[in-house]
Structure formats: structure tokens, C-alpha cells
Amino acid sequence: HWQQGTASLAGRRFAVNFGAPWLAAINNNKIAKLAEEEAEQNIDEGQRLYLKPWGDRRTELVVIGQNMDHDAMNSALEACLVSDEEMQDYSQHFIEARPLDAIDETKVDGDLA
């Protein structure tokens, strides 16, 4: 919810790495400016970096392979998705949540964006 992460699986190798915090998780005026700029530029919603209420948080999936059963893979991935009801429940509990070590941009050196 607060920090970007990547997971990669290639054959028998699996890795999980964590990156920078999502801009939406930082108390940062740059977020509001980004949202305003994208709205003013009429950028298609699917191409925006910032969407309310989740900001820049997103999930992206890339599958590379040969001779895969696409229907079976799509069915398996669809089964992993949360329902609208589950997402609403999650939203109610976590939309305003902050980690105990929340980043305060006034205490961080350098540019976060």
C-alpha cells in the first residue's frame, strides 16, 4: 500500500524487491500538482500517472512464455482478482491508513519525484 515492489519469476528463480514509496503515500504537494496537470491536459484516464483515490499506485503484470494455454492463464488470473465488494471493504479500511514510519517530505533530503 505504501511502497512499490516487484516480483519476478523466471523458471525456478523467484525474486521480490522493494523500491521507492508510492508518491500517493508521501505527504507531498507534487501529487496534487501532478493530478491537476494531467486533468488540465485531458490525458486519457488509462494513461494518467495519478488517479483518485489511489494516486500513482498500480499493478502491472507481464507474462513472457511459449506454448501457454492463454484461456487457462486468463481464468487463473481472473480468479485472483478481488470482487467489487472486497475492494470496497479494503478501501474503507485502508484509504486513510498511514504506516508507522510514514515519510514526511520535510525530513527527506533531495527530490522524491
PDB file of N, CA and C in Angstrom:
ATOM      1  N   HIS A   1       0.822  -1.191   0.000  1.00  0.00           N
ATOM      2  CA  HIS A   1       0.000   0.000   0.000  1.00  0.00           C
ATOM      3  C   HIS A   1       0.866   1.254   0.000  1.00  0.00           C
ATOM      4  N   TRP A   2       2.046   1.186   0.620  1.00  0.00           N
ATOM      5  CA  TRP A   2       2.881   2.381   0.739  1.00  0.00           C
ATOM      6  C   TRP A   2       4.131   2.344  -0.120  1.00  0.00           C
ATOM      7  N   GLN A   3       4.621   1.158  -0.423  1.00  0.00           N
ATOM      8  CA  GLN A   3       5.911   1.056  -1.092  1.00  0.00           C
ATOM      9  C   GLN A   3       5.788   0.236  -2.377  1.00  0.00           C
ATOM     10  N   GLN A   4       6.470   0.693  -3.414  1.00  0.00           N
ATOM     11  CA  GLN A   4       6.486  -0.043  -4.675  1.00  0.00           C
ATOM     12  C   GLN A   4       7.284  -1.328  -4.505  1.00  0.00           C
ATOM     13  N   GLY A   5       6.880  -2.339  -5.219  1.00  0.00           N
ATOM     14  CA  GLY A   5       7.605  -3.595  -5.163  1.00  0.00           C
ATOM     15  C   GLY A   5       7.510  -4.318  -6.487  1.00  0.00           C
ATOM     16  N   THR A   6       8.448  -5.209  -6.714  1.00  0.00           N
ATOM     17  CA  THR A   6       8.414  -6.032  -7.913  1.00  0.00           C
ATOM     18  C   THR A   6       8.628  -7.484  -7.517  1.00  0.00           C
ATOM     19  N   ALA A   7       7.986  -8.348  -8.247  1.00  0.00           N
ATOM     20  CA  ALA A   7       8.196  -9.786  -8.081  1.00  0.00           C
ATOM     21  C   ALA A   7       8.485 -10.331  -9.460  1.00  0.00           C
ATOM     22  N   SER A   8       9.503 -11.170  -9.574  1.00  0.00           N
ATOM     23  CA  SER A   8       9.796 -11.752 -10.877  1.00  0.00           C
ATOM     24  C   SER A   8      10.016 -13.242 -10.728  1.00  0.00           C
ATOM     25  N   LEU A   9       9.483 -13.968 -11.679  1.00  0.00           N
ATOM     26  CA  LEU A   9       9.584 -15.418 -11.704  1.00  0.00           C
ATOM     27  C   LEU A   9      10.077 -15.813 -13.089  1.00  0.00           C
ATOM     28  N   ALA A  10      11.200 -16.487 -13.138  1.00  0.00           N
ATOM     29  CA  ALA A  10      11.756 -16.968 -14.407  1.00  0.00           C
ATOM     30  C   ALA A  10      12.256 -18.386 -14.158  1.00  0.00           C
ATOM     31  N   GLY A  11      11.546 -19.342 -14.713  1.00  0.00           N
ATOM     32  CA  GLY A  11      11.921 -20.736 -14.462  1.00  0.00           C
ATOM     33  C   GLY A  11      11.775 -21.055 -12.983  1.00  0.00           C
ATOM     34  N   ARG A  12      12.878 -21.427 -12.364  1.00  0.00           N
ATOM     35  CA  ARG A  12      12.860 -21.744 -10.935  1.00  0.00           C
ATOM     36  C   ARG A  12      13.339 -20.587 -10.064  1.00  0.00           C
ATOM     37  N   ARG A  13      13.645 -19.470 -10.674  1.00  0.00           N
ATOM     38  CA  ARG A  13      14.141 -18.317  -9.931  1.00  0.00           C
ATOM     39  C   ARG A  13      12.993 -17.367  -9.624  1.00  0.00           C
ATOM     40  N   PHE A  14      12.916 -16.963  -8.376  1.00  0.00           N
ATOM     41  CA  PHE A  14      11.881 -16.039  -7.935  1.00  0.00           C
ATOM     42  C   PHE A  14      12.534 -14.968  -7.082  1.00  0.00           C
ATOM     43  N   ALA A  15      12.185 -13.715  -7.312  1.00  0.00           N
ATOM     44  CA  ALA A  15      12.757 -12.614  -6.541  1.00  0.00           C
ATOM     45  C   ALA A  15      11.674 -11.595  -6.224  1.00  0.00           C
ATOM     46  N   VAL A  16      11.759 -11.017  -5.053  1.00  0.00           N
ATOM     47  CA  VAL A  16      10.884  -9.924  -4.633  1.00  0.00           C
ATOM     48  C   VAL A  16      11.780  -8.774  -4.219  1.00  0.00           C
ATOM     49  N   ASN A  17      11.531  -7.599  -4.764  1.00  0.00           N
ATOM     50  CA  ASN A  17      12.320  -6.412  -4.427  1.00  0.00           C
ATOM     51  C   ASN A  17      11.382  -5.261  -4.120  1.00  0.00           C
ATOM     52  N   PHE A  18      11.805  -4.403  -3.236  1.00  0.00           N
ATOM     53  CA  PHE A  18      11.016  -3.234  -2.881  1.00  0.00           C
ATOM     54  C   PHE A  18      11.749  -1.978  -3.309  1.00  0.00           C
ATOM     55  N   GLY A  19      10.970  -1.014  -3.791  1.00  0.00           N
ATOM     56  CA  GLY A  19      11.547   0.222  -4.298  1.00  0.00           C
ATOM     57  C   GLY A  19      11.092   1.422  -3.490  1.00  0.00           C
ATOM     58  N   ALA A  20      10.980   2.521  -4.176  1.00  0.00           N
ATOM     59  CA  ALA A  20      10.592   3.786  -3.551  1.00  0.00           C
ATOM     60  C   ALA A  20       9.138   3.729  -3.092  1.00  0.00           C
ATOM     61  N   PRO A  21       8.790   4.576  -2.144  1.00  0.00           N
ATOM     62  CA  PRO A  21       7.373   4.648  -1.762  1.00  0.00           C
ATOM     63  C   PRO A  21       6.556   5.231  -2.912  1.00  0.00           C
ATOM     64  N   TRP A  22       5.290   4.853  -2.976  1.00  0.00           N
ATOM     65  CA  TRP A  22       4.388   5.477  -3.949  1.00  0.00           C
ATOM     66  C   TRP A  22       4.281   6.952  -3.600  1.00  0.00           C
ATOM     67  N   LEU A  23       4.209   7.821  -4.599  1.00  0.00           N
ATOM     68  CA  LEU A  23       4.042   9.253  -4.321  1.00  0.00           C
ATOM     69  C   LEU A  23       2.782   9.495  -3.502  1.00  0.00           C
ATOM     70  N   ALA A  24       1.747   8.702  -3.750  1.00  0.00           N
ATOM     71  CA  ALA A  24       0.494   8.876  -3.018  1.00  0.00           C
ATOM     72  C   ALA A  24       0.647   8.568  -1.529  1.00  0.00           C
ATOM     73  N   ALA A  25       1.721   7.858  -1.145  1.00  0.00           N
ATOM     74  CA  ALA A  25       1.946   7.523   0.257  1.00  0.00           C
ATOM     75  C   ALA A  25       2.750   8.599   0.981  1.00  0.00           C
ATOM     76  N   ILE A  26       3.182   9.588   0.231  1.00  0.00           N
ATOM     77  CA  ILE A  26       4.001  10.656   0.809  1.00  0.00           C
ATOM     78  C   ILE A  26       3.165  11.919   0.918  1.00  0.00           C
ATOM     79  N   ASN A  27       3.262  12.600   2.041  1.00  0.00           N
ATOM     80  CA  ASN A  27       2.585  13.882   2.206  1.00  0.00           C
ATOM     81  C   ASN A  27       3.357  14.888   1.358  1.00  0.00           C
ATOM     82  N   ASN A  28       2.909  15.061   0.118  1.00  0.00           N
ATOM     83  CA  ASN A  28       3.724  15.756  -0.852  1.00  0.00           C
ATOM     84  C   ASN A  28       2.844  16.607  -1.773  1.00  0.00           C
ATOM     85  N   ASN A  29       3.159  17.875  -1.913  1.00  0.00           N
ATOM     86  CA  ASN A  29       2.387  18.770  -2.782  1.00  0.00           C
ATOM     87  C   ASN A  29       2.538  18.420  -4.254  1.00  0.00           C
ATOM     88  N   LYS A  30       3.583  17.662  -4.611  1.00  0.00           N
ATOM     89  CA  LYS A  30       3.797  17.293  -6.013  1.00  0.00           C
ATOM     90  C   LYS A  30       2.653  16.423  -6.525  1.00  0.00           C
ATOM     91  N   ILE A  31       2.040  15.672  -5.651  1.00  0.00           N
ATOM     92  CA  ILE A  31       0.937  14.795  -6.039  1.00  0.00           C
ATOM     93  C   ILE A  31      -0.237  15.619  -6.547  1.00  0.00           C
ATOM     94  N   ALA A  32      -0.611  16.629  -5.779  1.00  0.00           N
ATOM     95  CA  ALA A  32      -1.732  17.478  -6.173  1.00  0.00           C
ATOM     96  C   ALA A  32      -1.426  18.188  -7.493  1.00  0.00           C
ATOM     97  N   LYS A  33      -0.198  18.651  -7.666  1.00  0.00           N
ATOM     98  CA  LYS A  33       0.189  19.328  -8.906  1.00  0.00           C
ATOM     99  C   LYS A  33       0.108  18.371 -10.091  1.00  0.00           C
ATOM    100  N   LEU A  34       0.576  17.148  -9.905  1.00  0.00           N
ATOM    101  CA  LEU A  34       0.535  16.157 -10.976  1.00  0.00           C
ATOM    102  C   LEU A  34      -0.905  15.868 -11.396  1.00  0.00           C
ATOM    103  N   ALA A  35      -1.782  15.682 -10.420  1.00  0.00           N
ATOM    104  CA  ALA A  35      -3.191  15.410 -10.720  1.00  0.00           C
ATOM    105  C   ALA A  35      -3.811  16.570 -11.490  1.00  0.00           C
ATOM    106  N   GLU A  36      -3.516  17.795 -11.070  1.00  0.00           N
ATOM    107  CA  GLU A  36      -4.060  18.973 -11.747  1.00  0.00           C
ATOM    108  C   GLU A  36      -3.540  19.068 -13.183  1.00  0.00           C
ATOM    109  N   GLU A  37      -2.243  18.849 -13.363  1.00  0.00           N
ATOM    110  CA  GLU A  37      -1.650  18.933 -14.696  1.00  0.00           C
ATOM    111  C   GLU A  37      -2.255  17.900 -15.640  1.00  0.00           C
ATOM    112  N   GLU A  38      -2.420  16.683 -15.159  1.00  0.00           N
ATOM    113  CA  GLU A  38      -2.974  15.634 -16.007  1.00  0.00           C
ATOM    114  C   GLU A  38      -4.424  15.931 -16.373  1.00  0.00           C
ATOM    115  N   ALA A  39      -5.190  16.469 -15.428  1.00  0.00           N
ATOM    116  CA  ALA A  39      -6.582  16.822 -15.708  1.00  0.00           C
ATOM    117  C   ALA A  39      -6.647  17.954 -16.728  1.00  0.00           C
ATOM    118  N   GLU A  40      -5.787  18.958 -16.560  1.00  0.00           N
ATOM    119  CA  GLU A  40      -5.777  20.095 -17.484  1.00  0.00           C
ATOM    120  C   GLU A  40      -5.368  19.685 -18.894  1.00  0.00           C
ATOM    121  N   GLN A  41      -4.483  18.709 -19.005  1.00  0.00           N
ATOM    122  CA  GLN A  41      -4.002  18.271 -20.307  1.00  0.00           C
ATOM    123  C   GLN A  41      -4.942  17.253 -20.955  1.00  0.00           C
ATOM    124  N   ASN A  42      -6.036  16.936 -20.285  1.00  0.00           N
ATOM    125  CA  ASN A  42      -7.019  15.972 -20.793  1.00  0.00           C
ATOM    126  C   ASN A  42      -6.372  14.638 -21.183  1.00  0.00           C
ATOM    127  N   ILE A  43      -5.429  14.183 -20.360  1.00  0.00           N
ATOM    128  CA  ILE A  43      -4.782  12.896 -20.602  1.00  0.00           C
ATOM    129  C   ILE A  43      -5.793  11.794 -20.332  1.00  0.00           C
ATOM    130  N   ASP A  44      -5.870  10.815 -21.238  1.00  0.00           N
ATOM    131  CA  ASP A  44      -6.783   9.693 -21.092  1.00  0.00           C
ATOM    132  C   ASP A  44      -6.584   9.034 -19.733  1.00  0.00           C
ATOM    133  N   GLU A  45      -7.688   8.696 -19.064  1.00  0.00           N
ATOM    134  CA  GLU A  45      -7.614   8.147 -17.712  1.00  0.00           C
ATOM    135  C   GLU A  45      -6.707   6.924 -17.631  1.00  0.00           C
ATOM    136  N   GLY A  46      -6.705   6.080 -18.645  1.00  0.00           N
ATOM    137  CA  GLY A  46      -5.864   4.891 -18.641  1.00  0.00           C
ATOM    138  C   GLY A  46      -4.374   5.198 -18.742  1.00  0.00           C
ATOM    139  N   GLN A  47      -4.034   6.415 -19.135  1.00  0.00           N
ATOM    140  CA  GLN A  47      -2.631   6.806 -19.292  1.00  0.00           C
ATOM    141  C   GLN A  47      -2.134   7.722 -18.172  1.00  0.00           C
ATOM    142  N   ARG A  48      -3.015   8.118 -17.287  1.00  0.00           N
ATOM    143  CA  ARG A  48      -2.616   9.031 -16.215  1.00  0.00           C
ATOM    144  C   ARG A  48      -1.740   8.333 -15.191  1.00  0.00           C
ATOM    145  N   LEU A  49      -0.822   9.100 -14.625  1.00  0.00           N
ATOM    146  CA  LEU A  49       0.026   8.571 -13.562  1.00  0.00           C
ATOM    147  C   LEU A  49      -0.672   8.646 -12.210  1.00  0.00           C
ATOM    148  N   TYR A  50      -1.630   9.551 -12.092  1.00  0.00           N
ATOM    149  CA  TYR A  50      -2.302   9.764 -10.812  1.00  0.00           C
ATOM    150  C   TYR A  50      -3.808   9.665 -11.010  1.00  0.00           C
ATOM    151  N   LEU A  51      -4.438   8.752 -10.303  1.00  0.00           N
ATOM    152  CA  LEU A  51      -5.893   8.608 -10.347  1.00  0.00           C
ATOM    153  C   LEU A  51      -6.439   8.541  -8.930  1.00  0.00           C
ATOM    154  N   LYS A  52      -7.467   9.311  -8.659  1.00  0.00           N
ATOM    155  CA  LYS A  52      -8.087   9.263  -7.336  1.00  0.00           C
ATOM    156  C   LYS A  52      -8.845   7.960  -7.180  1.00  0.00           C
ATOM    157  N   PRO A  53      -8.935   7.359  -6.019  1.00  0.00           N
ATOM    158  CA  PRO A  53      -8.343   7.794  -4.760  1.00  0.00           C
ATOM    159  C   PRO A  53      -6.968   7.193  -4.500  1.00  0.00           C
ATOM    160  N   TRP A  54      -6.423   6.382  -5.428  1.00  0.00           N
ATOM    161  CA  TRP A  54      -5.207   5.617  -5.134  1.00  0.00           C
ATOM    162  C   TRP A  54      -3.927   6.270  -5.615  1.00  0.00           C
ATOM    163  N   GLY A  55      -4.026   7.408  -6.279  1.00  0.00           N
ATOM    164  CA  GLY A  55      -2.821   8.105  -6.701  1.00  0.00           C
ATOM    165  C   GLY A  55      -2.070   7.362  -7.782  1.00  0.00           C
ATOM    166  N   ASP A  56      -0.767   7.190  -7.576  1.00  0.00           N
ATOM    167  CA  ASP A  56       0.073   6.540  -8.580  1.00  0.00           C
ATOM    168  C   ASP A  56       0.207   5.038  -8.348  1.00  0.00           C
ATOM    169  N   ARG A  57      -0.477   4.505  -7.355  1.00  0.00           N
ATOM    170  CA  ARG A  57      -0.399   3.063  -7.091  1.00  0.00           C
ATOM    171  C   ARG A  57      -1.045   2.286  -8.237  1.00  0.00           C
ATOM    172  N   ARG A  58      -0.415   1.163  -8.627  1.00  0.00           N
ATOM    173  CA  ARG A  58      -0.961   0.338  -9.698  1.00  0.00           C
ATOM    174  C   ARG A  58      -0.323  -1.037  -9.664  1.00  0.00           C
ATOM    175  N   THR A  59      -0.953  -1.930 -10.368  1.00  0.00           N
ATOM    176  CA  THR A  59      -0.419  -3.270 -10.540  1.00  0.00           C
ATOM    177  C   THR A  59      -0.242  -3.500 -12.029  1.00  0.00           C
ATOM    178  N   GLU A  60       0.922  -3.956 -12.407  1.00  0.00           N
ATOM    179  CA  GLU A  60       1.198  -4.282 -13.801  1.00  0.00           C
ATOM    180  C   GLU A  60       1.728  -5.710 -13.852  1.00  0.00           C
ATOM    181  N   LEU A  61       1.315  -6.447 -14.855  1.00  0.00           N
ATOM    182  CA  LEU A  61       1.723  -7.829 -14.995  1.00  0.00           C
ATOM    183  C   LEU A  61       2.220  -8.067 -16.414  1.00  0.00           C
ATOM    184  N   VAL A  62       3.391  -8.661 -16.524  1.00  0.00           N
ATOM    185  CA  VAL A  62       3.953  -9.024 -17.824  1.00  0.00           C
ATOM    186  C   VAL A  62       4.206 -10.520 -17.792  1.00  0.00           C
ATOM    187  N   VAL A  63       3.689 -11.224 -18.793  1.00  0.00           N
ATOM    188  CA  VAL A  63       3.891 -12.664 -18.905  1.00  0.00           C
ATOM    189  C   VAL A  63       4.620 -12.924 -20.216  1.00  0.00           C
ATOM    190  N   ILE A  64       5.736 -13.610 -20.114  1.00  0.00           N
ATOM    191  CA  ILE A  64       6.520 -13.958 -21.298  1.00  0.00           C
ATOM    192  C   ILE A  64       6.669 -15.479 -21.309  1.00  0.00           C
ATOM    193  N   GLY A  65       6.348 -16.095 -22.408  1.00  0.00           N
ATOM    194  CA  GLY A  65       6.490 -17.542 -22.465  1.00  0.00           C
ATOM    195  C   GLY A  65       6.073 -18.076 -23.823  1.00  0.00           C
ATOM    196  N   GLN A  66       6.232 -19.382 -23.961  1.00  0.00           N
ATOM    197  CA  GLN A  66       5.882 -20.053 -25.199  1.00  0.00           C
ATOM    198  C   GLN A  66       4.913 -21.184 -24.910  1.00  0.00           C
ATOM    199  N   ASN A  67       4.078 -21.480 -25.878  1.00  0.00           N
ATOM    200  CA  ASN A  67       3.168 -22.625 -25.797  1.00  0.00           C
ATOM    201  C   ASN A  67       2.330 -22.612 -24.516  1.00  0.00           C
ATOM    202  N   MET A  68       1.810 -21.436 -24.167  1.00  0.00           N
ATOM    203  CA  MET A  68       0.994 -21.311 -22.955  1.00  0.00           C
ATOM    204  C   MET A  68      -0.476 -21.449 -23.296  1.00  0.00           C
ATOM    205  N   ASP A  69      -1.220 -21.982 -22.375  1.00  0.00           N
ATOM    206  CA  ASP A  69      -2.672 -22.080 -22.518  1.00  0.00           C
ATOM    207  C   ASP A  69      -3.261 -20.745 -22.063  1.00  0.00           C
ATOM    208  N   HIS A  70      -3.509 -19.856 -23.009  1.00  0.00           N
ATOM    209  CA  HIS A  70      -3.954 -18.500 -22.693  1.00  0.00           C
ATOM    210  C   HIS A  70      -5.281 -18.493 -21.934  1.00  0.00           C
ATOM    211  N   ASP A  71      -6.220 -19.334 -22.326  1.00  0.00           N
ATOM    212  CA  ASP A  71      -7.514 -19.377 -21.641  1.00  0.00           C
ATOM    213  C   ASP A  71      -7.345 -19.801 -20.189  1.00  0.00           C
ATOM    214  N   ALA A  72      -6.541 -20.818 -19.952  1.00  0.00           N
ATOM    215  CA  ALA A  72      -6.311 -21.286 -18.577  1.00  0.00           C
ATOM    216  C   ALA A  72      -5.601 -20.217 -17.757  1.00  0.00           C
ATOM    217  N   MET A  73      -4.634 -19.529 -18.372  1.00  0.00           N
ATOM    218  CA  MET A  73      -3.915 -18.481 -17.662  1.00  0.00           C
ATOM    219  C   MET A  73      -4.842 -17.322 -17.322  1.00  0.00           C
ATOM    220  N   ASN A  74      -5.660 -16.912 -18.278  1.00  0.00           N
ATOM    221  CA  ASN A  74      -6.602 -15.828 -18.016  1.00  0.00           C
ATOM    222  C   ASN A  74      -7.590 -16.202 -16.919  1.00  0.00           C
ATOM    223  N   SER A  75      -8.080 -17.438 -16.939  1.00  0.00           N
ATOM    224  CA  SER A  75      -9.013 -17.901 -15.901  1.00  0.00           C
ATOM    225  C   SER A  75      -8.355 -17.877 -14.525  1.00  0.00           C
ATOM    226  N   ALA A  76      -7.103 -18.348 -14.462  1.00  0.00           N
ATOM    227  CA  ALA A  76      -6.382 -18.371 -13.184  1.00  0.00           C
ATOM    228  C   ALA A  76      -6.141 -16.953 -12.669  1.00  0.00           C
ATOM    229  N   LEU A  77      -5.779 -16.030 -13.559  1.00  0.00           N
ATOM    230  CA  LEU A  77      -5.547 -14.644 -13.146  1.00  0.00           C
ATOM    231  C   LEU A  77      -6.847 -13.960 -12.720  1.00  0.00           C
ATOM    232  N   GLU A  78      -7.922 -14.215 -13.456  1.00  0.00           N
ATOM    233  CA  GLU A  78      -9.223 -13.642 -13.097  1.00  0.00           C
ATOM    234  C   GLU A  78      -9.651 -14.101 -11.703  1.00  0.00           C
ATOM    235  N   ALA A  79      -9.323 -15.352 -11.351  1.00  0.00           N
ATOM    236  CA  ALA A  79      -9.686 -15.892 -10.037  1.00  0.00           C
ATOM    237  C   ALA A  79      -8.934 -15.189  -8.907  1.00  0.00           C
ATOM    238  N   CYS A  80      -7.834 -14.522  -9.237  1.00  0.00           N
ATOM    239  CA  CYS A  80      -7.036 -13.815  -8.227  1.00  0.00           C
ATOM    240  C   CYS A  80      -7.571 -12.418  -7.922  1.00  0.00           C
ATOM    241  N   LEU A  81      -8.401 -11.885  -8.786  1.00  0.00           N
ATOM    242  CA  LEU A  81      -8.897 -10.522  -8.609  1.00  0.00           C
ATOM    243  C   LEU A  81      -9.874 -10.440  -7.449  1.00  0.00           C
ATOM    244  N   VAL A  82      -9.850  -9.299  -6.767  1.00  0.00           N
ATOM    245  CA  VAL A  82     -10.817  -9.089  -5.704  1.00  0.00           C
ATOM    246  C   VAL A  82     -12.145  -8.675  -6.325  1.00  0.00           C
ATOM    247  N   SER A  83     -13.213  -8.961  -5.624  1.00  0.00           N
ATOM    248  CA  SER A  83     -14.539  -8.553  -6.091  1.00  0.00           C
ATOM    249  C   SER A  83     -14.733  -7.066  -5.788  1.00  0.00           C
ATOM    250  N   ASP A  84     -15.765  -6.476  -6.365  1.00  0.00           N
ATOM    251  CA  ASP A  84     -16.080  -5.079  -6.067  1.00  0.00           C
ATOM    252  C   ASP A  84     -16.338  -4.903  -4.577  1.00  0.00           C
ATOM    253  N   GLU A  85     -17.012  -5.869  -3.977  1.00  0.00           N
ATOM    254  CA  GLU A  85     -17.310  -5.800  -2.542  1.00  0.00           C
ATOM    255  C   GLU A  85     -16.022  -5.866  -1.713  1.00  0.00           C
ATOM    256  N   GLU A  86     -15.097  -6.750  -2.094  1.00  0.00           N
ATOM    257  CA  GLU A  86     -13.829  -6.858  -1.373  1.00  0.00           C
ATOM    258  C   GLU A  86     -13.010  -5.576  -1.511  1.00  0.00           C
ATOM    259  N   MET A  87     -13.016  -4.980  -2.699  1.00  0.00           N
ATOM    260  CA  MET A  87     -12.276  -3.737  -2.906  1.00  0.00           C
ATOM    261  C   MET A  87     -12.878  -2.605  -2.097  1.00  0.00           C
ATOM    262  N   GLN A  88     -14.191  -2.556  -2.020  1.00  0.00           N
ATOM    263  CA  GLN A  88     -14.856  -1.529  -1.224  1.00  0.00           C
ATOM    264  C   GLN A  88     -14.503  -1.696   0.256  1.00  0.00           C
ATOM    265  N   ASP A  89     -14.491  -2.931   0.738  1.00  0.00           N
ATOM    266  CA  ASP A  89     -14.123  -3.200   2.132  1.00  0.00           C
ATOM    267  C   ASP A  89     -12.681  -2.774   2.393  1.00  0.00           C
ATOM    268  N   TYR A  90     -11.783  -3.127   1.486  1.00  0.00           N
ATOM    269  CA  TYR A  90     -10.376  -2.730   1.604  1.00  0.00           C
ATOM    270  C   TYR A  90     -10.265  -1.207   1.638  1.00  0.00           C
ATOM    271  N   SER A  91     -10.971  -0.552   0.732  1.00  0.00           N
ATOM    272  CA  SER A  91     -10.916   0.908   0.634  1.00  0.00           C
ATOM    273  C   SER A  91     -11.345   1.567   1.932  1.00  0.00           C
ATOM    274  N   GLN A  92     -12.399   1.070   2.522  1.00  0.00           N
ATOM    275  CA  GLN A  92     -12.897   1.650   3.765  1.00  0.00           C
ATOM    276  C   GLN A  92     -11.877   1.532   4.894  1.00  0.00           C
ATOM    277  N   HIS A  93     -11.106   0.462   4.887  1.00  0.00           N
ATOM    278  CA  HIS A  93     -10.154   0.240   5.968  1.00  0.00           C
ATOM    279  C   HIS A  93      -8.791   0.887   5.740  1.00  0.00           C
ATOM    280  N   PHE A  94      -8.381   1.038   4.477  1.00  0.00           N
ATOM    281  CA  PHE A  94      -7.008   1.453   4.224  1.00  0.00           C
ATOM    282  C   PHE A  94      -6.820   2.768   3.483  1.00  0.00           C
ATOM    283  N   ILE A  95      -7.870   3.391   3.007  1.00  0.00           N
ATOM    284  CA  ILE A  95      -7.695   4.597   2.201  1.00  0.00           C
ATOM    285  C   ILE A  95      -6.977   5.710   2.975  1.00  0.00           C
ATOM    286  N   GLU A  96      -7.215   5.814   4.262  1.00  0.00           N
ATOM    287  CA  GLU A  96      -6.579   6.858   5.069  1.00  0.00           C
ATOM    288  C   GLU A  96      -5.465   6.316   5.954  1.00  0.00           C
ATOM    289  N   ALA A  97      -5.127   5.041   5.811  1.00  0.00           N
ATOM    290  CA  ALA A  97      -4.099   4.433   6.666  1.00  0.00           C
ATOM    291  C   ALA A  97      -2.723   5.004   6.352  1.00  0.00           C
ATOM    292  N   ARG A  98      -1.890   5.067   7.351  1.00  0.00           N
ATOM    293  CA  ARG A  98      -0.503   5.510   7.207  1.00  0.00           C
ATOM    294  C   ARG A  98       0.394   4.526   7.946  1.00  0.00           C
ATOM    295  N   PRO A  99       1.556   4.213   7.389  1.00  0.00           N
ATOM    296  CA  PRO A  99       2.471   3.320   8.095  1.00  0.00           C
ATOM    297  C   PRO A  99       3.035   4.022   9.325  1.00  0.00           C
ATOM    298  N   LEU A 100       3.514   3.245  10.258  1.00  0.00           N
ATOM    299  CA  LEU A 100       4.084   3.823  11.475  1.00  0.00           C
ATOM    300  C   LEU A 100       5.294   4.688  11.172  1.00  0.00           C
ATOM    301  N   ASP A 101       6.003   4.365  10.109  1.00  0.00           N
ATOM    302  CA  ASP A 101       7.192   5.137   9.734  1.00  0.00           C
ATOM    303  C   ASP A 101       6.910   6.008   8.507  1.00  0.00           C
ATOM    304  N   ALA A 102       5.725   6.597   8.454  1.00  0.00           N
ATOM    305  CA  ALA A 102       5.317   7.405   7.302  1.00  0.00           C
ATOM    306  C   ALA A 102       6.370   8.444   6.964  1.00  0.00           C
ATOM    307  N   ILE A 103       6.582   8.613   5.683  1.00  0.00           N
ATOM    308  CA  ILE A 103       7.596   9.551   5.222  1.00  0.00           C
ATOM    309  C   ILE A 103       7.049  10.974   5.282  1.00  0.00           C
ATOM    310  N   ASP A 104       7.813  11.826   5.886  1.00  0.00           N
ATOM    311  CA  ASP A 104       7.478  13.246   5.951  1.00  0.00           C
ATOM    312  C   ASP A 104       8.464  13.941   5.012  1.00  0.00           C
ATOM    313  N   GLU A 105       7.958  14.494   3.893  1.00  0.00           N
ATOM    314  CA  GLU A 105       8.854  15.063   2.890  1.00  0.00           C
ATOM    315  C   GLU A 105       9.722  16.179   3.445  1.00  0.00           C
ATOM    316  N   THR A 106       9.330  16.811   4.542  1.00  0.00           N
ATOM    317  CA  THR A 106      10.132  17.892   5.106  1.00  0.00           C
ATOM    318  C   THR A 106      11.390  17.341   5.780  1.00  0.00           C
ATOM    319  N   LYS A 107      11.438  16.011   5.989  1.00  0.00           N
ATOM    320  CA  LYS A 107      12.591  15.404   6.662  1.00  0.00           C
ATOM    321  C   LYS A 107      13.447  14.592   5.711  1.00  0.00           C
ATOM    322  N   VAL A 108      13.166  14.653   4.408  1.00  0.00           N
ATOM    323  CA  VAL A 108      13.908  13.877   3.429  1.00  0.00           C
ATOM    324  C   VAL A 108      14.718  14.804   2.565  1.00  0.00           C
ATOM    325  N   ASP A 109      16.009  14.483   2.390  1.00  0.00           N
ATOM    326  CA  ASP A 109      16.859  15.272   1.521  1.00  0.00           C
ATOM    327  C   ASP A 109      16.616  14.894   0.075  1.00  0.00           C
ATOM    328  N   GLY A 110      16.655  15.878  -0.803  1.00  0.00           N
ATOM    329  CA  GLY A 110      16.554  15.596  -2.228  1.00  0.00           C
ATOM    330  C   GLY A 110      15.126  15.602  -2.733  1.00  0.00           C
ATOM    331  N   ASP A 111      15.024  15.373  -4.025  1.00  0.00           N
ATOM    332  CA  ASP A 111      13.739  15.374  -4.721  1.00  0.00           C
ATOM    333  C   ASP A 111      13.182  13.959  -4.779  1.00  0.00           C
ATOM    334  N   LEU A 112      11.936  13.773  -4.344  1.00  0.00           N
ATOM    335  CA  LEU A 112      11.341  12.452  -4.300  1.00  0.00           C
ATOM    336  C   LEU A 112      10.673  12.056  -5.614  1.00  0.00           C
ATOM    337  N   ALA A 113      10.429  12.994  -6.492  1.00  0.00           N
ATOM    338  CA  ALA A 113       9.731  12.649  -7.737  1.00  0.00           C
ATOM    339  C   ALA A 113      10.677  12.614  -8.900  1.00  0.00           C
TER     340      ALA A 113
END
